[in-house]
Amino acid sequence: MISLGPMKTLLNIGKPLIFLELGVLSLISALWIMGCSGEPSEVENRILRIAVTTEPPTLDWSLATDGVSFNVLTNIMEGLTQYNKRLEPIPAIAKRWEFSENGRVITFYLRDDVKWTDGQPVTAQQFEYSWKRLLNPDTAAQYAYFLFDVENAYEYNSGKIKNADQVGVKALSPTILQVRLKRPVIYFPSLTTFMVTFPQRRDVIEKHGDRWTDPEHIVTNGPFTLDQWHHEYKLVLLSNPDYYDAQPALNRIIMYVVRNPTTELTLYETGELDMAELPPVAIPHYKTHAEYKNLPLLRGYYYGFNVTKPPFDDARVRRALSHAIDRSQIPVILKGGEWPTSSWIPKGMFGYNSKIGPEFDAEKARALLVKAGYSAGKKFPPFSIAYNTDPTHRLIAQFVQAQWKKHLGLEVGLEDQEWKVYLRKLDIDPPPVFRLGWGADFPDPDNFMNLFISTSGNNRLQWKNERYDRLITQGAAEQDPETRQAIYNEAQILLTEEDSAIISLFVAAQNVLVKPYVQNLGLNAMEWLYLKRVRLSGKNPSLMATQ
């Protein structure tokens, strides 16, 4: 899934509480007044308060692509399967599944006690509708490729066939969903944990159109319901009394939109948030703190090229820019345990190979640029690094800008845009050089490598390579680990070295503060927030003091 990026950073060095904007003070004041109203504390009310870095671009789970949207959707919706603590797919709405026909058919058997929030039962037909809506070319879903292993899925999405009934997903009864695959896919049950495969209600979507995800219209089936969505301010989720599984321990979740990292840390320190991401400059101060949590993530950070725009249509130029970056400096800048890498499959996932990718070599970089006709950067056309507005992304961009100036003599600009605007720009006309991240949708290398196949809706590179596509197809079906590793080695070399369509920079790490009364949070390498098992225990001194 497209991630907003690693933990945010403070540009003002110093104690986090010193630098407060007017808006920060207003928000803190409002929360303090609510705490003084004589109402029971947030802990006693079982209310979890967290921050999200941006407004969710959409809560239509056929169209969502980012981590913020997913963390809302995964708590108000459920699909056929879910993950356990070891990130293995286990039953959710599907009570079991079985493979047949040598792994080319998978049949899901659904529970009969799962209901939508309006009381209607969840059925296999609603999964069939959702999957075909995702694949419908009129939907223009970037994640349509997620289901291309299904028989005739690509053909329907690309317009080669018009009849959705030919797609290999069919409800055989209200509780039996049959999926026919083009070939055996060993990780397919993991795909069904992800939001784009969740069921949908055709009647609701057709009745309300683009407004079907508004709180007053949306119907869901998960442990929480969407109660409020105050745009650019907060989302409020309530416990779902009709949830089929054990009732959530929380009554309410409040997700505040907090764009400024200083604000988030301040709200945490003043007791208004129960969890906060740490900006890099604050990490050294909190590393020995009892509330500090750190873990590596399955999330890569890369710079992409629009390979159709000169001079970045020349692979020698792209390789030169990649060789000119000393990635070893990135953990020094970010301070949170990030792992510098020039390969693409992240450390901690099968397929990782530290020996792949362009190593830092300034001499080689300059030689490649000379061969491309740009000795010492002369006559190189002006360009900018594009990124979505965030202090950490700016920090990385400034570092790369300096590296290219120092080692190649290039003058490079910086251009930032708000997240929604930035995503639209990437969809319509990707900049020559842009930053993106990718967090695992499921813990298999196909999820990272499939991102850049020719038919991927998330491939903003305009890069197409038939050999790469063939390798990824082979890798998805290969069951022998050694052979599969060799396939992904070859594909990564093609992506990062030979064609250098991306510059892989580092694997991210999570650095957060969590209040001691927040239990069962279950932080994981995929950075998914499953909140239905979270409990609040004890008292929050900050809140008690305000009553």
Protein backbone atom coordinates (compact mmCIF):
# COMPACT_ATOMS: atom_id res chain seq x y z
CA MET A 1 0.00 0.00 0.00
CA ILE A 2 1.17 3.51 -0.71
CA SER A 3 2.53 4.96 2.52
CA LEU A 4 2.80 8.58 3.50
CA GLY A 5 6.37 7.91 4.49
CA PRO A 6 8.47 7.32 7.60
CA MET A 7 8.08 9.07 10.90
CA LYS A 8 7.76 12.82 10.76
CA THR A 9 10.56 15.18 11.74
CA LEU A 10 10.93 18.42 13.68
CA LEU A 11 12.92 21.12 11.97
CA ASN A 12 13.19 23.24 15.12
CA ILE A 13 15.69 21.55 17.36
CA GLY A 14 14.73 21.80 20.99
CA LYS A 15 12.16 20.67 23.52
CA PRO A 16 8.92 19.74 21.75
CA LEU A 17 6.72 21.80 24.06
CA ILE A 18 8.40 25.10 23.32
CA PHE A 19 7.24 25.68 19.75
CA LEU A 20 3.45 25.84 19.58
CA GLU A 21 1.40 27.26 16.76
CA LEU A 22 -1.85 29.09 17.36
CA GLY A 23 -3.81 26.16 15.93
CA VAL A 24 -2.02 23.78 18.31
CA LEU A 25 -2.94 25.92 21.29
CA SER A 26 -6.55 26.08 20.13
CA LEU A 27 -6.79 22.31 19.81
CA ILE A 28 -5.16 21.72 23.19
CA SER A 29 -7.47 24.29 24.79
CA ALA A 30 -10.54 22.63 23.31
CA LEU A 31 -9.49 19.22 24.54
CA TRP A 32 -8.63 20.61 27.98
CA ILE A 33 -12.06 22.22 28.30
CA MET A 34 -13.71 18.89 27.47
CA GLY A 35 -11.60 17.27 30.17
CA CYS A 36 -12.79 19.85 32.73
CA SER A 37 -16.49 19.21 32.08
CA GLY A 38 -16.86 16.73 34.90
CA GLU A 39 -17.37 13.82 32.53
CA PRO A 40 -15.61 10.49 33.27
CA SER A 41 -12.06 10.23 32.02
CA GLU A 42 -11.28 8.96 28.52
CA VAL A 43 -9.84 5.78 30.05
CA GLU A 44 -13.00 5.16 32.08
CA ASN A 45 -15.06 5.76 28.94
CA ARG A 46 -12.75 3.37 27.06
CA ILE A 47 -11.91 5.96 24.43
CA LEU A 48 -8.68 5.64 22.46
CA ARG A 49 -7.31 8.87 20.99
CA ILE A 50 -4.79 8.67 18.17
CA ALA A 51 -3.54 10.93 15.38
CA VAL A 52 -3.60 10.45 11.62
CA THR A 53 -1.20 12.44 9.50
CA THR A 54 -3.71 13.49 6.87
CA GLU A 55 -7.34 13.41 5.87
CA PRO A 56 -8.23 10.02 4.32
CA PRO A 57 -8.40 10.65 0.56
CA THR A 58 -11.35 8.23 0.37
CA LEU A 59 -13.13 5.58 2.40
CA ASP A 60 -14.33 3.73 -0.71
CA TRP A 61 -12.27 0.59 -0.26
CA SER A 62 -12.22 -0.08 -3.99
CA LEU A 63 -10.39 3.23 -4.50
CA ALA A 64 -8.31 3.70 -1.34
CA THR A 65 -4.54 3.26 -1.73
CA ASP A 66 -2.97 4.81 1.36
CA GLY A 67 -2.19 3.81 4.93
CA VAL A 68 -4.46 6.37 6.60
CA SER A 69 -7.53 5.16 4.71
CA PHE A 70 -6.58 1.57 5.42
CA ASN A 71 -6.26 2.08 9.17
CA VAL A 72 -9.79 3.47 9.25
CA LEU A 73 -11.23 0.81 6.94
CA THR A 74 -9.58 -2.17 8.63
CA ASN A 75 -11.37 -1.24 11.87
CA ILE A 76 -14.83 -0.69 10.40
CA MET A 77 -14.70 -3.55 7.85
CA GLU A 78 -13.61 -7.17 7.64
CA GLY A 79 -13.01 -9.52 4.76
CA LEU A 80 -12.68 -13.23 4.22
CA THR A 81 -9.47 -13.53 6.23
CA GLN A 82 -7.43 -11.58 8.77
CA TYR A 83 -3.91 -11.80 10.16
CA ASN A 84 -2.78 -13.37 13.40
CA LYS A 85 0.22 -12.10 15.38
CA ARG A 86 2.60 -13.98 13.08
CA LEU A 87 1.04 -12.27 10.03
CA GLU A 88 -0.50 -15.52 8.84
CA PRO A 89 -3.98 -15.46 7.25
CA ILE A 90 -6.65 -16.95 9.52
CA PRO A 91 -10.45 -17.13 9.19
CA ALA A 92 -12.57 -14.00 9.52
CA ILE A 93 -15.85 -13.92 7.56
CA ALA A 94 -14.66 -17.08 5.81
CA LYS A 95 -14.72 -19.82 8.43
CA ARG A 96 -12.56 -22.02 6.20
CA TRP A 97 -11.30 -22.43 2.63
CA GLU A 98 -9.99 -25.23 0.48
CA PHE A 99 -7.93 -25.57 -2.71
CA SER A 100 -8.81 -27.92 -5.54
CA GLU A 101 -7.86 -28.63 -9.16
CA ASN A 102 -4.15 -28.56 -8.30
CA GLY A 103 -4.42 -25.21 -6.54
CA ARG A 104 -6.24 -23.37 -9.33
CA VAL A 105 -9.60 -23.20 -7.53
CA ILE A 106 -10.10 -21.88 -4.02
CA THR A 107 -13.48 -22.13 -2.32
CA PHE A 108 -14.32 -19.95 0.67
CA TYR A 109 -17.04 -21.08 3.10
CA LEU A 110 -18.53 -18.07 4.86
CA ARG A 111 -20.01 -17.72 8.32
CA ASP A 112 -23.77 -17.26 8.37
CA ASP A 113 -23.87 -14.96 11.42
CA VAL A 114 -22.10 -11.86 10.06
CA LYS A 115 -24.33 -8.81 9.59
CA TRP A 116 -24.02 -5.32 8.20
CA THR A 117 -24.74 -2.41 10.48
CA ASP A 118 -28.26 -2.15 9.02
CA GLY A 119 -28.97 -5.74 10.00
CA GLN A 120 -28.67 -7.38 6.58
CA PRO A 121 -26.51 -10.51 6.32
CA VAL A 122 -23.09 -10.49 4.69
CA THR A 123 -23.18 -12.84 1.70
CA ALA A 124 -20.89 -14.32 -0.91
CA GLN A 125 -22.75 -12.32 -3.57
CA GLN A 126 -21.50 -9.10 -1.94
CA PHE A 127 -17.92 -10.30 -2.25
CA GLU A 128 -18.52 -11.17 -5.91
CA TYR A 129 -19.95 -7.70 -6.53
CA SER A 130 -17.07 -5.98 -4.74
CA TRP A 131 -14.37 -7.86 -6.66
CA LYS A 132 -16.02 -7.23 -10.00
CA ARG A 133 -16.53 -3.56 -9.13
CA LEU A 134 -12.80 -3.33 -8.35
CA LEU A 135 -12.01 -4.86 -11.74
CA ASN A 136 -14.57 -2.85 -13.70
CA PRO A 137 -12.56 -0.42 -15.88
CA ASP A 138 -15.15 2.29 -15.15
CA THR A 139 -14.16 2.16 -11.46
CA ALA A 140 -10.56 3.08 -12.40
CA ALA A 141 -9.24 1.35 -9.28
CA GLN A 142 -5.47 1.46 -8.91
CA TYR A 143 -5.59 -1.84 -7.03
CA ALA A 144 -7.46 -3.72 -9.78
CA TYR A 145 -4.22 -5.57 -10.55
CA PHE A 146 -4.44 -7.09 -7.07
CA LEU A 147 -6.87 -9.66 -8.48
CA PHE A 148 -5.21 -10.30 -11.83
CA ASP A 149 -4.40 -13.86 -10.78
CA VAL A 150 -8.14 -14.53 -10.98
CA GLU A 151 -9.28 -16.06 -14.27
CA ASN A 152 -10.20 -13.34 -16.83
CA ALA A 153 -9.68 -10.56 -14.28
CA TYR A 154 -7.08 -8.72 -16.36
CA GLU A 155 -9.02 -9.29 -19.55
CA TYR A 156 -12.13 -7.71 -18.02
CA ASN A 157 -10.22 -4.80 -16.47
CA SER A 158 -8.39 -4.05 -19.72
CA GLY A 159 -11.58 -4.19 -21.79
CA LYS A 160 -10.62 -7.31 -23.74
CA ILE A 161 -13.81 -8.92 -22.50
CA LYS A 162 -16.96 -7.01 -21.58
CA ASN A 163 -18.91 -9.63 -19.65
CA ALA A 164 -18.16 -9.61 -15.93
CA ASP A 165 -19.70 -13.07 -15.64
CA GLN A 166 -16.59 -14.45 -17.32
CA VAL A 167 -14.41 -13.34 -14.39
CA GLY A 168 -13.46 -16.31 -12.21
CA VAL A 169 -15.25 -15.30 -9.03
CA LYS A 170 -18.75 -16.59 -8.34
CA ALA A 171 -21.10 -16.89 -5.39
CA LEU A 172 -22.35 -20.49 -5.47
CA SER A 173 -24.68 -19.75 -2.56
CA PRO A 174 -25.01 -17.04 0.12
CA THR A 175 -22.20 -18.72 2.07
CA ILE A 176 -19.94 -20.20 -0.66
CA LEU A 177 -17.59 -18.13 -2.82
CA GLN A 178 -15.62 -19.86 -5.54
CA VAL A 179 -12.49 -18.30 -7.05
CA ARG A 180 -10.89 -19.72 -10.20
CA LEU A 181 -7.23 -18.77 -10.69
CA LYS A 182 -5.10 -18.63 -13.83
CA ARG A 183 -2.43 -20.59 -12.01
CA PRO A 184 -1.73 -21.70 -8.43
CA VAL A 185 -0.95 -18.71 -6.19
CA ILE A 186 0.51 -19.74 -2.86
CA TYR A 187 -0.28 -16.48 -1.06
CA PHE A 188 -3.86 -15.94 -2.28
CA PRO A 189 -5.51 -16.25 1.19
CA SER A 190 -3.29 -13.37 2.31
CA LEU A 191 -4.72 -11.17 -0.45
CA THR A 192 -8.16 -11.49 1.08
CA THR A 193 -7.04 -9.75 4.28
CA PHE A 194 -6.69 -6.52 2.31
CA MET A 195 -9.29 -3.76 2.03
CA VAL A 196 -9.90 -3.93 -1.72
CA THR A 197 -11.28 -7.48 -1.32
CA PHE A 198 -13.82 -6.58 1.39
CA PRO A 199 -17.51 -7.08 0.49
CA GLN A 200 -19.66 -4.18 -0.70
CA ARG A 201 -23.34 -3.40 -0.88
CA ARG A 202 -24.48 -2.64 -4.40
CA ASP A 203 -27.80 -1.19 -3.18
CA VAL A 204 -26.04 1.35 -0.92
CA ILE A 205 -23.53 2.44 -3.57
CA GLU A 206 -26.17 2.84 -6.27
CA LYS A 207 -28.53 4.73 -3.95
CA HIS A 208 -26.04 7.26 -2.60
CA GLY A 209 -23.47 7.53 -5.41
CA ASP A 210 -20.27 9.33 -4.44
CA ARG A 211 -21.70 10.03 -0.97
CA TRP A 212 -22.10 6.38 0.02
CA THR A 213 -19.13 6.52 2.41
CA ASP A 214 -20.55 9.44 4.42
CA PRO A 215 -21.27 8.43 8.04
CA GLU A 216 -25.04 8.75 7.55
CA HIS A 217 -24.99 6.39 4.53
CA ILE A 218 -22.16 3.89 4.94
CA VAL A 219 -22.92 0.35 6.11
CA THR A 220 -20.06 -1.77 7.45
CA ASN A 221 -19.48 -5.13 9.11
CA GLY A 222 -16.41 -4.64 11.32
CA PRO A 223 -15.78 -4.23 15.04
CA PHE A 224 -16.37 -0.46 14.85
CA THR A 225 -18.72 1.83 12.96
CA LEU A 226 -18.02 5.21 11.36
CA ASP A 227 -19.95 7.63 13.58
CA GLN A 228 -18.47 11.01 12.57
CA TRP A 229 -16.18 12.38 9.88
CA HIS A 230 -15.38 16.04 10.43
CA HIS A 231 -13.18 16.74 7.45
CA GLU A 232 -9.66 17.95 8.23
CA TYR A 233 -10.41 17.63 11.98
CA LYS A 234 -11.30 14.14 13.20
CA LEU A 235 -13.01 10.80 12.61
CA VAL A 236 -14.93 9.04 15.35
CA LEU A 237 -15.49 5.28 15.41
CA LEU A 238 -17.92 3.56 17.79
CA SER A 239 -18.01 -0.04 18.96
CA ASN A 240 -20.35 -2.13 16.79
CA PRO A 241 -22.88 -3.90 19.07
CA ASP A 242 -23.76 -6.33 16.27
CA TYR A 243 -20.19 -7.41 15.50
CA TYR A 244 -20.12 -11.18 15.04
CA ASP A 245 -16.98 -11.80 17.07
CA ALA A 246 -16.06 -10.77 20.63
CA GLN A 247 -17.08 -7.21 21.40
CA PRO A 248 -14.24 -4.66 21.23
CA ALA A 249 -12.86 -3.54 24.58
CA LEU A 250 -13.00 0.09 23.39
CA ASN A 251 -16.21 2.09 23.24
CA ARG A 252 -14.86 4.75 20.92
CA ILE A 253 -11.83 5.66 18.83
CA ILE A 254 -11.09 9.28 17.99
CA MET A 255 -8.69 9.86 15.11
CA TYR A 256 -7.53 13.47 15.03
CA VAL A 257 -6.04 14.86 11.82
CA VAL A 258 -2.69 16.20 13.04
CA ARG A 259 -0.36 17.18 10.23
CA ASN A 260 2.37 18.83 12.29
CA PRO A 261 4.72 16.44 14.14
CA THR A 262 5.35 19.02 16.85
CA THR A 263 1.63 19.16 17.49
CA GLU A 264 1.27 15.40 17.75
CA LEU A 265 4.09 15.06 20.25
CA THR A 266 2.80 17.99 22.26
CA LEU A 267 -0.70 16.50 22.43
CA TYR A 268 0.79 13.23 23.60
CA GLU A 269 2.90 14.89 26.29
CA THR A 270 -0.09 16.88 27.57
CA GLY A 271 -2.20 13.72 27.76
CA GLU A 272 -4.53 14.45 24.85
CA LEU A 273 -3.31 11.52 22.71
CA ASP A 274 -2.68 7.95 23.79
CA MET A 275 -0.13 7.22 21.08
CA ALA A 276 2.21 9.35 18.97
CA GLU A 277 4.74 8.83 16.22
CA LEU A 278 8.14 10.25 17.08
CA PRO A 279 9.84 12.67 14.70
CA PRO A 280 13.53 11.89 14.08
CA VAL A 281 14.94 14.76 16.11
CA ALA A 282 13.00 13.62 19.19
CA ILE A 283 13.99 9.94 19.00
CA PRO A 284 17.34 10.22 20.86
CA HIS A 285 15.58 11.95 23.77
CA TYR A 286 12.97 9.19 24.13
CA LYS A 287 15.01 6.07 23.34
CA THR A 288 15.33 5.09 26.99
CA HIS A 289 11.78 6.11 27.86
CA ALA A 290 9.49 3.32 29.12
CA GLU A 291 6.77 4.38 26.65
CA TYR A 292 9.06 4.23 23.59
CA LYS A 293 8.49 1.44 21.07
CA ASN A 294 10.67 0.69 18.03
CA LEU A 295 10.37 -2.01 15.41
CA PRO A 296 11.44 -2.48 11.77
CA LEU A 297 8.72 -2.27 9.14
CA LEU A 298 8.05 -3.97 5.83
CA ARG A 299 7.95 -0.55 4.20
CA GLY A 300 10.29 0.74 1.52
CA TYR A 301 11.01 4.34 0.57
CA TYR A 302 12.00 5.13 -3.00
CA TYR A 303 12.42 7.83 -5.62
CA GLY A 304 10.74 7.05 -8.89
CA PHE A 305 11.45 8.35 -12.37
CA ASN A 306 8.93 9.16 -15.04
CA VAL A 307 10.98 7.33 -17.65
CA THR A 308 9.19 9.03 -20.54
CA LYS A 309 10.54 12.48 -19.68
CA PRO A 310 14.04 13.43 -20.94
CA PRO A 311 16.73 13.13 -19.79
CA PHE A 312 15.30 10.49 -17.43
CA ASP A 313 14.36 8.35 -20.42
CA ASP A 314 18.08 7.44 -20.50
CA ALA A 315 18.92 4.56 -18.14
CA ARG A 316 22.50 5.88 -17.82
CA VAL A 317 21.17 9.08 -16.26
CA ARG A 318 18.98 7.14 -13.85
CA ARG A 319 21.87 4.87 -12.84
CA ALA A 320 24.15 7.87 -12.33
CA LEU A 321 21.66 9.50 -9.95
CA SER A 322 21.28 6.27 -8.01
CA HIS A 323 25.05 5.67 -7.67
CA ALA A 324 25.52 9.26 -6.44
CA ILE A 325 23.60 8.80 -3.16
CA ASP A 326 25.38 7.68 0.01
CA ARG A 327 22.45 5.87 1.63
CA SER A 328 24.47 5.09 4.77
CA GLN A 329 23.81 8.66 5.91
CA ILE A 330 20.03 8.24 5.99
CA PRO A 331 19.85 6.47 9.40
CA VAL A 332 22.07 9.22 10.79
CA ILE A 333 19.54 11.80 9.60
CA LEU A 334 16.37 9.95 10.62
CA LYS A 335 17.74 8.40 13.84
CA GLY A 336 15.05 5.73 14.10
CA GLY A 337 16.68 2.46 13.09
CA GLU A 338 16.00 2.76 9.34
CA TRP A 339 17.83 0.30 7.10
CA PRO A 340 19.60 1.84 4.06
CA THR A 341 19.16 -0.26 0.96
CA SER A 342 19.59 -0.09 -2.79
CA SER A 343 17.55 -3.26 -3.42
CA TRP A 344 13.76 -3.24 -3.31
CA ILE A 345 12.37 -6.23 -1.38
CA PRO A 346 12.67 -5.10 2.26
CA LYS A 347 14.83 -6.67 4.91
CA GLY A 348 12.74 -9.09 6.95
CA MET A 349 10.82 -10.42 3.94
CA PHE A 350 11.62 -13.46 1.83
CA GLY A 351 13.50 -12.33 -1.28
CA TYR A 352 15.62 -9.65 0.41
CA ASN A 353 19.16 -9.53 -0.98
CA SER A 354 21.58 -6.93 0.36
CA LYS A 355 23.98 -7.44 -2.56
CA ILE A 356 21.55 -6.10 -5.16
CA GLY A 357 21.26 -2.48 -6.24
CA PRO A 358 23.60 0.39 -7.21
CA GLU A 359 26.09 0.98 -4.42
CA PHE A 360 27.35 4.47 -3.66
CA ASP A 361 30.10 5.19 -6.17
CA ALA A 362 30.58 8.86 -7.04
CA GLU A 363 33.20 8.14 -9.71
CA LYS A 364 30.98 5.66 -11.49
CA ALA A 365 28.07 8.09 -11.26
CA ARG A 366 30.08 10.88 -12.90
CA ALA A 367 31.31 8.53 -15.64
CA LEU A 368 27.76 7.47 -16.47
CA LEU A 369 26.65 11.09 -16.67
CA VAL A 370 29.55 11.85 -19.04
CA LYS A 371 28.49 8.96 -21.29
CA ALA A 372 24.97 10.37 -21.30
CA GLY A 373 26.37 13.73 -22.48
CA TYR A 374 26.32 15.72 -19.25
CA SER A 375 29.91 16.15 -18.11
CA ALA A 376 30.03 17.76 -14.65
CA GLY A 377 26.30 18.30 -14.91
CA LYS A 378 26.65 20.81 -17.73
CA LYS A 379 23.62 21.28 -19.99
CA PHE A 380 21.57 19.06 -17.71
CA PRO A 381 18.01 20.43 -17.87
CA PRO A 382 16.61 21.86 -14.61
CA PHE A 383 14.33 19.59 -12.61
CA SER A 384 12.88 19.25 -9.11
CA ILE A 385 12.35 16.45 -6.63
CA ALA A 386 8.60 16.16 -6.03
CA TYR A 387 7.22 14.95 -2.69
CA ASN A 388 4.10 15.30 -0.57
CA THR A 389 4.28 17.94 2.13
CA ASP A 390 5.91 16.52 5.23
CA PRO A 391 9.04 17.54 7.16
CA THR A 392 10.65 14.11 6.83
CA HIS A 393 10.15 14.00 3.08
CA ARG A 394 11.67 17.48 2.87
CA LEU A 395 14.61 16.34 4.98
CA ILE A 396 15.28 13.37 2.67
CA ALA A 397 14.82 15.56 -0.42
CA GLN A 398 17.30 18.11 0.91
CA PHE A 399 19.81 15.32 1.54
CA VAL A 400 19.43 13.87 -1.97
CA GLN A 401 19.54 17.38 -3.45
CA ALA A 402 22.87 17.97 -1.70
CA GLN A 403 24.24 14.59 -2.81
CA TRP A 404 23.47 15.28 -6.46
CA LYS A 405 25.00 18.73 -6.20
CA LYS A 406 28.14 17.47 -4.50
CA HIS A 407 28.81 14.39 -6.61
CA LEU A 408 27.33 15.33 -9.99
CA GLY A 409 27.24 19.14 -10.01
CA LEU A 410 23.48 19.20 -10.57
CA GLU A 411 21.24 22.05 -9.49
CA VAL A 412 18.05 20.45 -8.25
CA GLY A 413 14.88 22.13 -6.99
CA LEU A 414 12.36 20.89 -4.43
CA GLU A 415 8.60 20.84 -4.95
CA ASP A 416 6.09 19.75 -2.32
CA GLN A 417 2.31 19.37 -2.52
CA GLU A 418 -0.50 18.39 -0.15
CA TRP A 419 -1.14 14.63 -0.18
CA LYS A 420 -4.41 14.55 -2.12
CA VAL A 421 -3.09 17.01 -4.71
CA TYR A 422 0.15 15.06 -4.95
CA LEU A 423 -1.67 11.76 -5.59
CA ARG A 424 -3.73 13.36 -8.35
CA LYS A 425 -0.55 14.71 -9.93
CA LEU A 426 1.02 11.25 -9.86
CA ASP A 427 -2.07 9.78 -11.50
CA ILE A 428 -2.39 12.36 -14.25
CA ASP A 429 1.17 13.44 -15.07
CA PRO A 430 3.94 12.03 -12.84
CA PRO A 431 6.85 14.46 -12.30
CA PRO A 432 10.30 13.51 -13.66
CA VAL A 433 11.51 12.57 -10.16
CA PHE A 434 9.11 11.86 -7.28
CA ARG A 435 9.13 10.22 -3.90
CA LEU A 436 6.83 7.42 -2.74
CA GLY A 437 6.80 4.67 -0.16
CA TRP A 438 5.30 1.22 -0.21
CA GLY A 439 4.13 -0.70 2.83
CA ALA A 440 3.30 -4.38 2.63
CA ASP A 441 -0.32 -5.25 1.87
CA PHE A 442 0.59 -8.87 2.56
CA PRO A 443 3.97 -10.27 3.69
CA ASP A 444 5.14 -11.75 0.42
CA PRO A 445 7.70 -10.34 -2.06
CA ASP A 446 5.12 -10.42 -4.85
CA ASN A 447 3.42 -7.46 -3.18
CA PHE A 448 6.54 -5.34 -3.65
CA MET A 449 7.61 -6.65 -7.05
CA ASN A 450 4.10 -6.66 -8.56
CA LEU A 451 3.94 -2.92 -7.92
CA PHE A 452 6.01 -2.18 -11.05
CA ILE A 453 4.53 -4.58 -13.59
CA SER A 454 3.14 -2.94 -16.73
CA THR A 455 -0.50 -3.43 -15.68
CA SER A 456 -0.16 -2.19 -12.09
CA GLY A 457 -2.34 0.81 -11.28
CA ASN A 458 0.25 1.85 -8.70
CA ASN A 459 3.12 1.96 -11.22
CA ARG A 460 3.69 5.70 -11.69
CA LEU A 461 6.99 5.22 -13.50
CA GLN A 462 5.53 4.84 -17.00
CA TRP A 463 8.07 2.01 -17.12
CA LYS A 464 7.15 -1.19 -18.94
CA ASN A 465 9.43 -4.18 -19.28
CA GLU A 466 8.14 -7.49 -20.65
CA ARG A 467 11.02 -9.45 -19.15
CA TYR A 468 10.27 -8.01 -15.71
CA ASP A 469 6.57 -8.85 -16.10
CA ARG A 470 7.39 -12.46 -17.00
CA LEU A 471 9.68 -12.83 -13.99
CA ILE A 472 7.03 -11.56 -11.58
CA THR A 473 4.47 -13.94 -13.05
CA GLN A 474 6.91 -16.84 -12.58
CA GLY A 475 7.75 -15.77 -9.03
CA ALA A 476 4.10 -15.71 -7.95
CA ALA A 477 3.59 -19.35 -8.97
CA GLU A 478 6.99 -20.80 -7.99
CA GLN A 479 6.94 -22.95 -4.83
CA ASP A 480 10.62 -23.91 -4.60
CA PRO A 481 12.28 -21.28 -2.34
CA GLU A 482 15.68 -21.35 -4.08
CA THR A 483 14.19 -20.98 -7.54
CA ARG A 484 11.85 -18.26 -6.32
CA GLN A 485 14.75 -16.35 -4.74
CA ALA A 486 16.69 -16.52 -8.01
CA ILE A 487 13.70 -15.15 -9.92
CA TYR A 488 13.34 -12.20 -7.57
CA ASN A 489 17.09 -11.55 -7.65
CA GLU A 490 16.96 -11.25 -11.42
CA ALA A 491 13.89 -9.03 -11.32
CA GLN A 492 15.37 -6.69 -8.69
CA ILE A 493 18.60 -6.33 -10.67
CA LEU A 494 16.54 -5.34 -13.70
CA LEU A 495 14.44 -2.85 -11.71
CA THR A 496 17.16 -1.17 -9.64
CA GLU A 497 20.40 -1.70 -11.63
CA GLU A 498 19.98 -2.37 -15.34
CA ASP A 499 16.98 -0.10 -15.95
CA SER A 500 17.22 1.81 -12.64
CA ALA A 501 13.55 2.70 -12.88
CA ILE A 502 13.56 3.49 -9.15
CA ILE A 503 16.09 4.58 -6.56
CA SER A 504 15.47 2.48 -3.47
CA LEU A 505 16.68 4.43 -0.43
CA PHE A 506 15.79 2.72 2.85
CA VAL A 507 13.46 0.42 4.77
CA ALA A 508 11.50 2.32 7.38
CA ALA A 509 11.17 1.69 11.11
CA GLN A 510 8.37 2.56 13.49
CA ASN A 511 9.17 4.83 16.43
CA VAL A 512 6.23 5.56 18.67
CA LEU A 513 5.24 6.51 22.17
CA VAL A 514 2.37 4.54 23.71
CA LYS A 515 0.75 5.32 27.05
CA PRO A 516 1.24 2.52 29.61
CA TYR A 517 -2.50 2.02 30.06
CA VAL A 518 -2.90 1.09 26.36
CA GLN A 519 -2.68 -2.69 26.18
CA ASN A 520 -2.86 -5.28 23.37
CA LEU A 521 -1.98 -2.70 20.73
CA GLY A 522 -0.13 -5.36 18.74
CA LEU A 523 2.34 -3.24 16.76
CA ASN A 524 3.54 -5.21 13.74
CA ALA A 525 5.95 -5.01 10.82
CA MET A 526 3.12 -4.12 8.42
CA GLU A 527 2.13 -1.12 10.60
CA TRP A 528 -1.51 -2.18 10.59
CA LEU A 529 -3.58 -0.96 13.51
CA TYR A 530 -6.04 -3.68 14.45
CA LEU A 531 -7.78 -1.99 17.38
CA LYS A 532 -10.53 -4.45 18.27
CA ARG A 533 -8.38 -6.14 20.93
CA VAL A 534 -6.96 -2.96 22.49
CA ARG A 535 -7.78 -2.37 26.15
CA LEU A 536 -7.33 0.65 28.37
CA SER A 537 -6.43 -0.16 31.97
CA GLY A 538 -5.73 2.00 35.00
CA LYS A 539 -5.99 5.77 35.16
CA ASN A 540 -4.55 8.51 32.99
CA PRO A 541 -3.10 11.04 35.46
CA SER A 542 -3.18 13.84 32.89
CA LEU A 543 -6.90 13.42 32.34
CA MET A 544 -7.73 12.98 36.03
CA ALA A 545 -5.95 16.22 36.85
CA THR A 546 -8.22 18.18 34.52
CA GLN A 547 -11.50 17.06 36.04
